[in-house]
Amino acid sequence: MLINGMPSITDVRSSIVSFVEDRDLQYAMTLNENIYLGRSHSLEIVTSGVRLLPETNGSTLGKMFHDSIDFSSGQWQMTKILRGMMNEASVFIFDEPLTFLDDDKRTWFNDAVKALIAKGKAVVIIPHESIDIIPDHMLYIHRKEAQHVEYVQ
């Protein structure tokens, strides 16, 4: 969206950074509306992730309506990750992305992150458990003490 001929701060921010936070963001919309939120493009990586979620036949998600379909915590987590990956950002930040994900979704996430990195994107993961991705750099924080580790591949 242009304001006085200039892109809005929201457009600029989302083109630079995509942040998937730990907070529970569940919208009473269909699955596609939850993921795309007005964006018209579809990324191959997002399409492959949607296949790991149950078919909803266009039903509203959540508990708001009597005919809504409620997702499990892992399915909502996957929806948030897919929503974050819809941005054409340069930097992707994921806060506790593996929480509630089953093994298939964790494998998909690891592959998706590798695909983002292969496209030249910067990826920051804030895990609270171990992950299967070997980073270029890691900042390990334990009891308010930080230790930087650099990996050479």
N, C-alpha and C. Protein backbone atom coordinates (compact mmCIF):
# COMPACT_ATOMS: atom_id res chain seq x y z
N MET A 1 0.84 -1.16 0.00
CA MET A 1 0.00 0.00 0.00
C MET A 1 0.89 1.24 0.00
N LEU A 2 0.57 2.20 -0.83
CA LEU A 2 1.33 3.44 -0.90
C LEU A 2 0.61 4.55 -0.13
N ILE A 3 1.37 5.30 0.63
CA ILE A 3 0.85 6.46 1.34
C ILE A 3 1.68 7.65 0.86
N ASN A 4 1.01 8.60 0.21
CA ASN A 4 1.72 9.74 -0.39
C ASN A 4 2.85 9.27 -1.31
N GLY A 5 2.59 8.21 -2.05
CA GLY A 5 3.57 7.72 -3.00
C GLY A 5 4.68 6.87 -2.39
N MET A 6 4.65 6.66 -1.08
CA MET A 6 5.69 5.88 -0.39
C MET A 6 5.05 4.62 0.21
N PRO A 7 5.82 3.52 0.27
CA PRO A 7 5.28 2.32 0.90
C PRO A 7 5.05 2.55 2.39
N SER A 8 4.02 1.90 2.93
CA SER A 8 3.73 2.03 4.37
C SER A 8 4.82 1.33 5.17
N ILE A 9 4.96 1.72 6.43
CA ILE A 9 5.96 1.11 7.29
C ILE A 9 5.70 -0.38 7.46
N THR A 10 4.43 -0.79 7.45
CA THR A 10 4.10 -2.22 7.55
C THR A 10 4.63 -2.98 6.34
N ASP A 11 4.47 -2.40 5.14
CA ASP A 11 4.98 -3.05 3.93
C ASP A 11 6.50 -3.14 3.97
N VAL A 12 7.15 -2.06 4.40
CA VAL A 12 8.62 -2.06 4.47
C VAL A 12 9.10 -3.08 5.48
N ARG A 13 8.48 -3.08 6.68
CA ARG A 13 8.89 -4.01 7.73
C ARG A 13 8.73 -5.46 7.30
N SER A 14 7.59 -5.79 6.70
CA SER A 14 7.36 -7.18 6.32
C SER A 14 8.22 -7.60 5.14
N SER A 15 8.75 -6.64 4.39
CA SER A 15 9.66 -7.02 3.30
C SER A 15 11.07 -7.23 3.82
N ILE A 16 11.34 -6.79 5.04
CA ILE A 16 12.66 -6.96 5.63
C ILE A 16 12.68 -8.14 6.60
N VAL A 17 11.73 -8.17 7.53
CA VAL A 17 11.73 -9.17 8.59
C VAL A 17 10.38 -9.85 8.69
N SER A 18 10.40 -11.16 8.82
CA SER A 18 9.21 -11.94 9.12
C SER A 18 9.43 -12.57 10.48
N PHE A 19 8.55 -12.28 11.43
CA PHE A 19 8.72 -12.75 12.81
C PHE A 19 7.57 -13.67 13.18
N VAL A 20 7.89 -14.91 13.51
CA VAL A 20 6.89 -15.87 13.99
C VAL A 20 7.12 -15.99 15.48
N GLU A 21 6.21 -15.41 16.24
CA GLU A 21 6.40 -15.35 17.67
C GLU A 21 5.79 -16.53 18.39
N ASP A 22 6.20 -16.66 19.64
CA ASP A 22 5.76 -17.74 20.50
C ASP A 22 4.30 -17.57 20.91
N ARG A 23 3.80 -16.34 20.84
CA ARG A 23 2.42 -16.05 21.25
C ARG A 23 1.41 -16.81 20.41
N ASP A 24 0.31 -17.14 21.01
CA ASP A 24 -0.73 -17.90 20.35
C ASP A 24 -1.61 -16.99 19.50
N LEU A 25 -1.46 -17.03 18.17
CA LEU A 25 -2.25 -16.20 17.27
C LEU A 25 -3.19 -17.09 16.47
N GLN A 26 -4.43 -17.18 16.92
CA GLN A 26 -5.43 -17.99 16.25
C GLN A 26 -6.54 -17.10 15.76
N TYR A 27 -6.78 -17.11 14.46
CA TYR A 27 -7.81 -16.27 13.86
C TYR A 27 -9.00 -17.11 13.43
N ALA A 28 -10.19 -16.62 13.67
CA ALA A 28 -11.42 -17.31 13.28
C ALA A 28 -11.66 -17.06 11.79
N MET A 29 -10.84 -17.69 10.98
CA MET A 29 -10.92 -17.62 9.52
C MET A 29 -10.64 -19.01 8.97
N THR A 30 -10.73 -19.16 7.68
CA THR A 30 -10.39 -20.45 7.08
C THR A 30 -8.88 -20.66 7.16
N LEU A 31 -8.43 -21.87 6.89
CA LEU A 31 -7.01 -22.18 6.91
C LEU A 31 -6.25 -21.29 5.93
N ASN A 32 -6.73 -21.21 4.69
CA ASN A 32 -6.04 -20.37 3.70
C ASN A 32 -6.01 -18.92 4.11
N GLU A 33 -7.10 -18.40 4.66
CA GLU A 33 -7.12 -17.01 5.12
C GLU A 33 -6.13 -16.81 6.27
N ASN A 34 -6.03 -17.80 7.16
CA ASN A 34 -5.09 -17.74 8.27
C ASN A 34 -3.65 -17.66 7.78
N ILE A 35 -3.34 -18.40 6.74
CA ILE A 35 -1.97 -18.44 6.23
C ILE A 35 -1.67 -17.24 5.34
N TYR A 36 -2.54 -16.96 4.39
CA TYR A 36 -2.24 -15.95 3.38
C TYR A 36 -2.54 -14.53 3.85
N LEU A 37 -3.52 -14.33 4.72
CA LEU A 37 -3.86 -13.02 5.25
C LEU A 37 -3.77 -11.91 4.20
N GLY A 38 -4.48 -12.13 3.08
CA GLY A 38 -4.55 -11.12 2.04
C GLY A 38 -3.46 -11.18 0.99
N ARG A 39 -2.47 -12.03 1.19
CA ARG A 39 -1.40 -12.15 0.19
C ARG A 39 -1.89 -13.08 -0.91
N SER A 40 -1.57 -12.77 -2.14
CA SER A 40 -2.09 -13.57 -3.25
C SER A 40 -1.10 -14.59 -3.77
N HIS A 41 0.17 -14.45 -3.45
CA HIS A 41 1.14 -15.39 -3.99
C HIS A 41 1.24 -16.64 -3.12
N SER A 42 1.62 -17.72 -3.74
CA SER A 42 1.77 -18.98 -3.02
C SER A 42 3.19 -19.49 -3.22
N LEU A 43 3.86 -19.76 -2.16
CA LEU A 43 5.22 -20.26 -2.23
C LEU A 43 5.20 -21.77 -2.15
N GLU A 44 6.06 -22.40 -2.92
CA GLU A 44 6.13 -23.87 -2.95
C GLU A 44 6.33 -24.44 -1.55
N ILE A 45 7.18 -23.80 -0.77
CA ILE A 45 7.47 -24.29 0.57
C ILE A 45 6.22 -24.25 1.46
N VAL A 46 5.39 -23.22 1.29
CA VAL A 46 4.15 -23.11 2.07
C VAL A 46 3.16 -24.16 1.61
N THR A 47 3.05 -24.35 0.30
CA THR A 47 2.14 -25.36 -0.24
C THR A 47 2.47 -26.74 0.30
N SER A 48 3.76 -27.07 0.38
CA SER A 48 4.15 -28.39 0.90
C SER A 48 3.81 -28.52 2.38
N GLY A 49 3.88 -27.42 3.13
CA GLY A 49 3.53 -27.45 4.55
C GLY A 49 2.05 -27.61 4.78
N VAL A 50 1.24 -26.98 3.93
CA VAL A 50 -0.22 -27.08 4.06
C VAL A 50 -0.66 -28.54 3.93
N ARG A 51 0.04 -29.30 3.12
CA ARG A 51 -0.31 -30.72 2.93
C ARG A 51 -0.19 -31.53 4.21
N LEU A 52 0.56 -31.02 5.19
CA LEU A 52 0.71 -31.73 6.47
C LEU A 52 -0.43 -31.44 7.44
N LEU A 53 -1.30 -30.50 7.07
CA LEU A 53 -2.44 -30.15 7.92
C LEU A 53 -3.71 -30.85 7.42
N PRO A 54 -4.68 -31.07 8.29
CA PRO A 54 -5.91 -31.76 7.86
C PRO A 54 -6.72 -30.91 6.88
N GLU A 55 -7.48 -31.56 6.05
CA GLU A 55 -8.38 -30.88 5.10
C GLU A 55 -9.50 -30.22 5.90
N THR A 56 -9.72 -28.94 5.66
CA THR A 56 -10.75 -28.22 6.41
C THR A 56 -11.95 -27.84 5.56
N ASN A 57 -11.88 -28.06 4.25
CA ASN A 57 -12.98 -27.76 3.32
C ASN A 57 -13.53 -26.34 3.48
N GLY A 58 -12.64 -25.40 3.73
CA GLY A 58 -13.06 -24.00 3.80
C GLY A 58 -13.77 -23.61 5.08
N SER A 59 -13.79 -24.50 6.07
CA SER A 59 -14.44 -24.18 7.34
C SER A 59 -13.62 -23.18 8.14
N THR A 60 -14.30 -22.43 8.99
CA THR A 60 -13.63 -21.51 9.88
C THR A 60 -12.90 -22.30 10.95
N LEU A 61 -11.70 -21.85 11.30
CA LEU A 61 -10.92 -22.51 12.34
C LEU A 61 -11.21 -21.86 13.69
N GLY A 62 -11.01 -22.63 14.74
CA GLY A 62 -11.15 -22.11 16.10
C GLY A 62 -12.37 -22.63 16.81
N LYS A 63 -12.72 -21.96 17.90
CA LYS A 63 -13.83 -22.38 18.75
C LYS A 63 -14.98 -21.38 18.75
N MET A 64 -14.89 -20.36 17.90
CA MET A 64 -15.85 -19.26 17.95
C MET A 64 -17.25 -19.64 17.47
N PHE A 65 -17.33 -20.50 16.45
CA PHE A 65 -18.62 -20.85 15.88
C PHE A 65 -18.90 -22.33 16.09
N HIS A 66 -20.18 -22.69 16.13
CA HIS A 66 -20.53 -24.09 16.41
C HIS A 66 -20.05 -25.04 15.32
N ASP A 67 -19.89 -24.57 14.08
CA ASP A 67 -19.44 -25.45 13.00
C ASP A 67 -17.96 -25.24 12.66
N SER A 68 -17.21 -24.55 13.54
CA SER A 68 -15.78 -24.33 13.32
C SER A 68 -15.01 -25.62 13.57
N ILE A 69 -13.83 -25.69 12.98
CA ILE A 69 -12.92 -26.81 13.19
C ILE A 69 -11.77 -26.30 14.06
N ASP A 70 -11.57 -26.93 15.20
CA ASP A 70 -10.48 -26.49 16.06
C ASP A 70 -9.25 -27.35 15.81
N PHE A 71 -8.13 -26.70 15.67
CA PHE A 71 -6.86 -27.39 15.45
C PHE A 71 -6.21 -27.73 16.78
N SER A 72 -5.32 -28.71 16.73
CA SER A 72 -4.49 -29.01 17.89
C SER A 72 -3.44 -27.91 18.03
N SER A 73 -2.73 -27.89 19.13
CA SER A 73 -1.69 -26.88 19.34
C SER A 73 -0.62 -26.98 18.25
N GLY A 74 -0.25 -28.19 17.85
CA GLY A 74 0.75 -28.38 16.80
C GLY A 74 0.27 -27.89 15.44
N GLN A 75 -1.01 -28.10 15.16
CA GLN A 75 -1.57 -27.63 13.88
C GLN A 75 -1.64 -26.09 13.85
N TRP A 76 -1.97 -25.46 14.98
CA TRP A 76 -1.95 -24.00 15.04
C TRP A 76 -0.52 -23.48 14.91
N GLN A 77 0.43 -24.17 15.53
CA GLN A 77 1.84 -23.76 15.43
C GLN A 77 2.30 -23.81 13.97
N MET A 78 1.93 -24.87 13.28
CA MET A 78 2.30 -25.01 11.87
C MET A 78 1.66 -23.90 11.04
N THR A 79 0.42 -23.54 11.35
CA THR A 79 -0.27 -22.47 10.65
C THR A 79 0.48 -21.15 10.83
N LYS A 80 0.94 -20.86 12.06
CA LYS A 80 1.71 -19.64 12.32
C LYS A 80 3.02 -19.63 11.53
N ILE A 81 3.70 -20.76 11.47
CA ILE A 81 4.96 -20.85 10.73
C ILE A 81 4.70 -20.60 9.25
N LEU A 82 3.67 -21.23 8.70
CA LEU A 82 3.34 -21.04 7.28
C LEU A 82 3.00 -19.58 7.00
N ARG A 83 2.25 -18.95 7.91
CA ARG A 83 1.91 -17.53 7.76
C ARG A 83 3.18 -16.68 7.71
N GLY A 84 4.12 -16.96 8.58
CA GLY A 84 5.38 -16.22 8.60
C GLY A 84 6.21 -16.42 7.35
N MET A 85 6.13 -17.60 6.77
CA MET A 85 6.90 -17.89 5.56
C MET A 85 6.28 -17.29 4.31
N MET A 86 5.07 -16.76 4.41
CA MET A 86 4.44 -16.12 3.26
C MET A 86 5.08 -14.78 2.93
N ASN A 87 5.78 -14.19 3.87
CA ASN A 87 6.44 -12.92 3.61
C ASN A 87 7.64 -13.11 2.71
N GLU A 88 7.87 -12.16 1.84
CA GLU A 88 9.06 -12.16 1.00
C GLU A 88 10.17 -11.39 1.71
N ALA A 89 10.41 -11.72 2.96
CA ALA A 89 11.36 -11.00 3.79
C ALA A 89 12.79 -11.45 3.51
N SER A 90 13.73 -10.65 3.98
CA SER A 90 15.15 -10.99 3.90
C SER A 90 15.59 -11.75 5.14
N VAL A 91 14.91 -11.49 6.26
CA VAL A 91 15.26 -12.11 7.55
C VAL A 91 14.01 -12.77 8.12
N PHE A 92 14.15 -14.02 8.54
CA PHE A 92 13.05 -14.75 9.17
C PHE A 92 13.47 -15.08 10.61
N ILE A 93 12.62 -14.71 11.56
CA ILE A 93 12.88 -14.98 12.97
C ILE A 93 11.77 -15.89 13.48
N PHE A 94 12.17 -17.02 14.05
CA PHE A 94 11.21 -17.99 14.58
C PHE A 94 11.48 -18.17 16.07
N ASP A 95 10.50 -17.83 16.90
CA ASP A 95 10.61 -17.98 18.35
C ASP A 95 9.91 -19.28 18.75
N GLU A 96 10.67 -20.20 19.25
CA GLU A 96 10.19 -21.53 19.65
C GLU A 96 9.34 -22.20 18.56
N PRO A 97 9.87 -22.36 17.37
CA PRO A 97 9.06 -22.89 16.27
C PRO A 97 8.69 -24.36 16.41
N LEU A 98 9.46 -25.12 17.15
CA LEU A 98 9.22 -26.56 17.21
C LEU A 98 8.23 -26.98 18.29
N THR A 99 7.79 -26.03 19.10
CA THR A 99 6.84 -26.34 20.17
C THR A 99 5.58 -26.95 19.58
N PHE A 100 5.19 -28.08 20.09
CA PHE A 100 3.97 -28.81 19.72
C PHE A 100 4.04 -29.49 18.35
N LEU A 101 5.14 -29.37 17.59
CA LEU A 101 5.19 -30.01 16.27
C LEU A 101 5.54 -31.49 16.40
N ASP A 102 4.86 -32.34 15.62
CA ASP A 102 5.20 -33.76 15.59
C ASP A 102 6.42 -33.93 14.67
N ASP A 103 6.91 -35.16 14.57
CA ASP A 103 8.14 -35.43 13.82
C ASP A 103 8.04 -35.02 12.35
N ASP A 104 6.90 -35.29 11.69
CA ASP A 104 6.75 -34.93 10.28
C ASP A 104 6.85 -33.41 10.08
N LYS A 105 6.22 -32.68 10.95
CA LYS A 105 6.24 -31.22 10.84
C LYS A 105 7.61 -30.65 11.20
N ARG A 106 8.31 -31.27 12.15
CA ARG A 106 9.67 -30.85 12.49
C ARG A 106 10.60 -31.08 11.30
N THR A 107 10.48 -32.21 10.66
CA THR A 107 11.29 -32.50 9.47
C THR A 107 11.00 -31.48 8.38
N TRP A 108 9.71 -31.19 8.16
CA TRP A 108 9.34 -30.19 7.16
C TRP A 108 9.95 -28.84 7.52
N PHE A 109 9.87 -28.44 8.80
CA PHE A 109 10.41 -27.15 9.21
C PHE A 109 11.91 -27.08 8.94
N ASN A 110 12.65 -28.13 9.30
CA ASN A 110 14.10 -28.16 9.04
C ASN A 110 14.39 -28.00 7.55
N ASP A 111 13.65 -28.71 6.71
CA ASP A 111 13.83 -28.59 5.26
C ASP A 111 13.46 -27.20 4.76
N ALA A 112 12.39 -26.63 5.32
CA ALA A 112 11.95 -25.28 4.92
C ALA A 112 13.00 -24.24 5.27
N VAL A 113 13.61 -24.36 6.44
CA VAL A 113 14.66 -23.41 6.85
C VAL A 113 15.86 -23.54 5.92
N LYS A 114 16.23 -24.76 5.58
CA LYS A 114 17.35 -24.96 4.65
C LYS A 114 17.04 -24.35 3.29
N ALA A 115 15.79 -24.44 2.85
CA ALA A 115 15.38 -23.84 1.57
C ALA A 115 15.45 -22.32 1.64
N LEU A 116 15.05 -21.73 2.76
CA LEU A 116 15.16 -20.28 2.92
C LEU A 116 16.61 -19.83 2.87
N ILE A 117 17.47 -20.57 3.55
CA ILE A 117 18.90 -20.24 3.57
C ILE A 117 19.49 -20.38 2.17
N ALA A 118 19.08 -21.41 1.44
CA ALA A 118 19.56 -21.60 0.06
C ALA A 118 19.15 -20.45 -0.85
N LYS A 119 18.04 -19.77 -0.50
CA LYS A 119 17.59 -18.61 -1.28
C LYS A 119 18.27 -17.32 -0.82
N GLY A 120 19.23 -17.43 0.08
CA GLY A 120 19.96 -16.26 0.55
C GLY A 120 19.29 -15.52 1.68
N LYS A 121 18.31 -16.14 2.32
CA LYS A 121 17.60 -15.50 3.44
C LYS A 121 18.37 -15.75 4.74
N ALA A 122 18.31 -14.80 5.63
CA ALA A 122 18.87 -14.97 6.97
C ALA A 122 17.78 -15.56 7.86
N VAL A 123 18.13 -16.55 8.64
CA VAL A 123 17.16 -17.21 9.50
C VAL A 123 17.69 -17.20 10.93
N VAL A 124 16.87 -16.70 11.84
CA VAL A 124 17.19 -16.70 13.27
C VAL A 124 16.16 -17.59 13.95
N ILE A 125 16.66 -18.58 14.69
CA ILE A 125 15.78 -19.49 15.41
C ILE A 125 16.07 -19.35 16.90
N ILE A 126 15.02 -19.13 17.66
CA ILE A 126 15.14 -19.03 19.12
C ILE A 126 14.51 -20.29 19.70
N PRO A 127 15.30 -21.36 19.82
CA PRO A 127 14.73 -22.61 20.31
C PRO A 127 14.88 -22.73 21.83
N HIS A 128 14.01 -23.52 22.39
CA HIS A 128 14.13 -23.85 23.80
C HIS A 128 14.40 -25.35 23.93
N GLU A 129 14.69 -25.95 22.80
CA GLU A 129 15.07 -27.36 22.75
C GLU A 129 16.00 -27.54 21.56
N SER A 130 16.63 -28.69 21.45
CA SER A 130 17.60 -28.88 20.38
C SER A 130 16.91 -28.94 19.01
N ILE A 131 17.64 -28.52 17.99
CA ILE A 131 17.13 -28.55 16.62
C ILE A 131 18.12 -29.31 15.76
N ASP A 132 17.69 -29.74 14.58
CA ASP A 132 18.52 -30.55 13.70
C ASP A 132 19.23 -29.74 12.63
N ILE A 133 19.28 -28.43 12.79
CA ILE A 133 19.91 -27.57 11.81
C ILE A 133 21.24 -27.10 12.38
N ILE A 134 22.31 -27.24 11.60
CA ILE A 134 23.61 -26.75 12.05
C ILE A 134 23.76 -25.31 11.58
N PRO A 135 23.81 -24.36 12.51
CA PRO A 135 23.87 -22.95 12.12
C PRO A 135 25.28 -22.51 11.75
N ASP A 136 25.36 -21.38 11.04
CA ASP A 136 26.67 -20.77 10.78
C ASP A 136 27.22 -20.15 12.06
N HIS A 137 26.33 -19.54 12.83
CA HIS A 137 26.69 -18.91 14.10
C HIS A 137 25.63 -19.28 15.12
N MET A 138 26.05 -19.36 16.36
CA MET A 138 25.09 -19.65 17.41
C MET A 138 25.46 -18.83 18.64
N LEU A 139 24.47 -18.25 19.27
CA LEU A 139 24.66 -17.56 20.53
C LEU A 139 23.93 -18.39 21.57
N TYR A 140 24.68 -18.99 22.46
CA TYR A 140 24.12 -19.85 23.48
C TYR A 140 24.01 -19.05 24.77
N ILE A 141 22.80 -18.94 25.29
CA ILE A 141 22.58 -18.18 26.52
C ILE A 141 22.08 -19.14 27.59
N HIS A 142 22.80 -19.19 28.69
CA HIS A 142 22.43 -20.05 29.81
C HIS A 142 22.63 -19.25 31.09
N ARG A 143 21.56 -19.07 31.84
CA ARG A 143 21.61 -18.33 33.10
C ARG A 143 22.25 -16.95 32.92
N LYS A 144 21.77 -16.25 31.90
CA LYS A 144 22.18 -14.87 31.60
C LYS A 144 23.63 -14.73 31.17
N GLU A 145 24.30 -15.83 30.88
CA GLU A 145 25.67 -15.78 30.36
C GLU A 145 25.63 -16.25 28.91
N ALA A 146 26.21 -15.43 28.03
CA ALA A 146 26.19 -15.74 26.59
C ALA A 146 27.54 -16.27 26.15
N GLN A 147 27.47 -17.24 25.23
CA GLN A 147 28.69 -17.79 24.63
C GLN A 147 28.44 -17.86 23.13
N HIS A 148 29.32 -17.25 22.34
CA HIS A 148 29.19 -17.27 20.88
C HIS A 148 30.00 -18.43 20.32
N VAL A 149 29.37 -19.18 19.44
CA VAL A 149 30.03 -20.31 18.79
C VAL A 149 29.89 -20.10 17.31
N GLU A 150 31.00 -20.17 16.57
CA GLU A 150 30.96 -20.04 15.13
C GLU A 150 31.30 -21.39 14.50
N TYR A 151 30.46 -21.81 13.57
CA TYR A 151 30.66 -23.09 12.89
C TYR A 151 31.28 -22.83 11.54
N VAL A 152 32.27 -23.60 11.19
CA VAL A 152 32.88 -23.50 9.87
C VAL A 152 32.53 -24.78 9.13
N GLN A 153 31.91 -24.61 7.95
CA GLN A 153 31.47 -25.80 7.22
C GLN A 153 32.32 -26.00 5.98
